[in-house]
Amino acid sequence: MSISIKGKAVYFDDRYLRVELEDGRIIATPMPWYRALQSASLDQLRNYRFICRGTGIEWSDLDYQLSIESMLVARHEKMAA
């Protein structure tokens, strides 16, 4: 069975990146996993859009894309690159 994990909203603070899913769940991962996001300005972080039919997030100002599914399965070493 394949389940599509689609985002609805993105929230962030100095500790966590949180994604609210269409089904109401919220997933969170530590901001230090995403160096490009951690060093970004607040305006750059707010300038995101959902891509790939809602299954990914893009910050075009940062040339950075993130699969929402990867937030659930990825390890720190893979995300910090």
C-alpha atoms as a PDB file:
ATOM      1  CA  MET A   1       0.000   0.000   0.000  1.00  0.00           C
ATOM      2  CA  SER A   2       1.334   3.426  -0.965  1.00  0.00           C
ATOM      3  CA  ILE A   3       0.330   6.415   1.133  1.00  0.00           C
ATOM      4  CA  SER A   4       0.855   9.924  -0.175  1.00  0.00           C
ATOM      5  CA  ILE A   5       2.053  12.330   2.497  1.00  0.00           C
ATOM      6  CA  LYS A   6       0.974  15.821   1.467  1.00  0.00           C
ATOM      7  CA  GLY A   7       1.818  19.056   3.214  1.00  0.00           C
ATOM      8  CA  LYS A   8      -0.613  21.789   4.151  1.00  0.00           C
ATOM      9  CA  ALA A   9       1.583  24.327   6.010  1.00  0.00           C
ATOM     10  CA  VAL A  10       5.173  24.814   7.173  1.00  0.00           C
ATOM     11  CA  TYR A  11       6.190  26.208  10.555  1.00  0.00           C
ATOM     12  CA  PHE A  12       9.648  26.793  11.945  1.00  0.00           C
ATOM     13  CA  ASP A  13      11.522  28.184  14.890  1.00  0.00           C
ATOM     14  CA  ASP A  14      15.145  28.021  15.969  1.00  0.00           C
ATOM     15  CA  ARG A  15      14.720  24.390  17.070  1.00  0.00           C
ATOM     16  CA  TYR A  16      12.306  22.614  14.706  1.00  0.00           C
ATOM     17  CA  LEU A  17      10.952  22.475  11.182  1.00  0.00           C
ATOM     18  CA  ARG A  18       7.300  21.444  11.408  1.00  0.00           C
ATOM     19  CA  VAL A  19       5.046  20.409   8.560  1.00  0.00           C
ATOM     20  CA  GLU A  20       1.293  20.163   8.988  1.00  0.00           C
ATOM     21  CA  LEU A  21      -0.061  17.419   6.781  1.00  0.00           C
ATOM     22  CA  GLU A  22      -3.384  17.479   4.950  1.00  0.00           C
ATOM     23  CA  ASP A  23      -4.701  14.784   7.287  1.00  0.00           C
ATOM     24  CA  GLY A  24      -4.058  16.976  10.345  1.00  0.00           C
ATOM     25  CA  ARG A  25      -0.855  15.379  11.626  1.00  0.00           C
ATOM     26  CA  ILE A  26       2.179  17.543  12.328  1.00  0.00           C
ATOM     27  CA  ILE A  27       5.689  16.183  11.876  1.00  0.00           C
ATOM     28  CA  ALA A  28       8.793  17.887  13.229  1.00  0.00           C
ATOM     29  CA  THR A  29      12.518  17.491  12.706  1.00  0.00           C
ATOM     30  CA  PRO A  30      15.423  19.457  14.218  1.00  0.00           C
ATOM     31  CA  MET A  31      16.423  22.590  12.282  1.00  0.00           C
ATOM     32  CA  PRO A  32      20.155  21.712  12.555  1.00  0.00           C
ATOM     33  CA  TRP A  33      19.455  18.858  10.123  1.00  0.00           C
ATOM     34  CA  TYR A  34      18.961  21.482   7.412  1.00  0.00           C
ATOM     35  CA  ARG A  35      21.965  23.793   7.291  1.00  0.00           C
ATOM     36  CA  ALA A  36      20.598  25.764   4.349  1.00  0.00           C
ATOM     37  CA  LEU A  37      17.407  26.490   6.267  1.00  0.00           C
ATOM     38  CA  GLN A  38      19.066  27.102   9.611  1.00  0.00           C
ATOM     39  CA  SER A  39      21.240  29.867   8.174  1.00  0.00           C
ATOM     40  CA  ALA A  40      18.418  31.428   6.114  1.00  0.00           C
ATOM     41  CA  SER A  41      16.663  34.678   6.928  1.00  0.00           C
ATOM     42  CA  LEU A  42      13.088  34.700   8.181  1.00  0.00           C
ATOM     43  CA  ASP A  43      11.922  36.116   4.837  1.00  0.00           C
ATOM     44  CA  GLN A  44      13.681  33.304   2.965  1.00  0.00           C
ATOM     45  CA  LEU A  45      12.099  30.666   5.222  1.00  0.00           C
ATOM     46  CA  ARG A  46       8.642  32.138   4.722  1.00  0.00           C
ATOM     47  CA  ASN A  47       9.083  32.005   0.950  1.00  0.00           C
ATOM     48  CA  TYR A  48       8.308  28.314   0.465  1.00  0.00           C
ATOM     49  CA  ARG A  49       5.913  26.467  -1.785  1.00  0.00           C
ATOM     50  CA  PHE A  50       4.716  22.899  -2.009  1.00  0.00           C
ATOM     51  CA  ILE A  51       5.952  20.965  -5.033  1.00  0.00           C
ATOM     52  CA  CYS A  52       5.417  17.477  -6.461  1.00  0.00           C
ATOM     53  CA  ARG A  53       1.670  17.526  -5.780  1.00  0.00           C
ATOM     54  CA  GLY A  54       2.204  18.559  -2.173  1.00  0.00           C
ATOM     55  CA  THR A  55       4.734  15.874  -1.282  1.00  0.00           C
ATOM     56  CA  GLY A  56       7.738  18.209  -1.266  1.00  0.00           C
ATOM     57  CA  ILE A  57       8.682  21.712  -0.186  1.00  0.00           C
ATOM     58  CA  GLU A  58      10.798  24.179  -2.137  1.00  0.00           C
ATOM     59  CA  TRP A  59      12.543  27.309  -0.929  1.00  0.00           C
ATOM     60  CA  SER A  60      13.408  28.862  -4.292  1.00  0.00           C
ATOM     61  CA  ASP A  61      15.441  31.714  -2.767  1.00  0.00           C
ATOM     62  CA  LEU A  62      17.721  29.083  -1.247  1.00  0.00           C
ATOM     63  CA  ASP A  63      17.607  26.618  -4.176  1.00  0.00           C
ATOM     64  CA  TYR A  64      16.576  23.976  -1.637  1.00  0.00           C
ATOM     65  CA  GLN A  65      13.990  21.210  -1.945  1.00  0.00           C
ATOM     66  CA  LEU A  66      12.833  18.766   0.705  1.00  0.00           C
ATOM     67  CA  SER A  67      10.703  15.644   0.418  1.00  0.00           C
ATOM     68  CA  ILE A  68       8.205  15.507   3.276  1.00  0.00           C
ATOM     69  CA  GLU A  69       8.556  11.731   3.361  1.00  0.00           C
ATOM     70  CA  SER A  70      12.304  12.124   3.906  1.00  0.00           C
ATOM     71  CA  MET A  71      11.537  13.937   7.166  1.00  0.00           C
ATOM     72  CA  LEU A  72      10.054  10.673   8.444  1.00  0.00           C
ATOM     73  CA  VAL A  73      12.788   8.293   7.298  1.00  0.00           C
ATOM     74  CA  ALA A  74      16.018  10.246   6.903  1.00  0.00           C
ATOM     75  CA  ARG A  75      18.836  10.254   9.387  1.00  0.00           C
ATOM     76  CA  HIS A  76      20.741  13.332  10.474  1.00  0.00           C
ATOM     77  CA  GLU A  77      23.835  12.454   8.445  1.00  0.00           C
ATOM     78  CA  LYS A  78      21.839  12.425   5.200  1.00  0.00           C
ATOM     79  CA  MET A  79      20.042  15.716   5.889  1.00  0.00           C
ATOM     80  CA  ALA A  80      23.078  17.761   6.968  1.00  0.00           C
ATOM     81  CA  ALA A  81      24.810  17.573   3.603  1.00  0.00           C
END
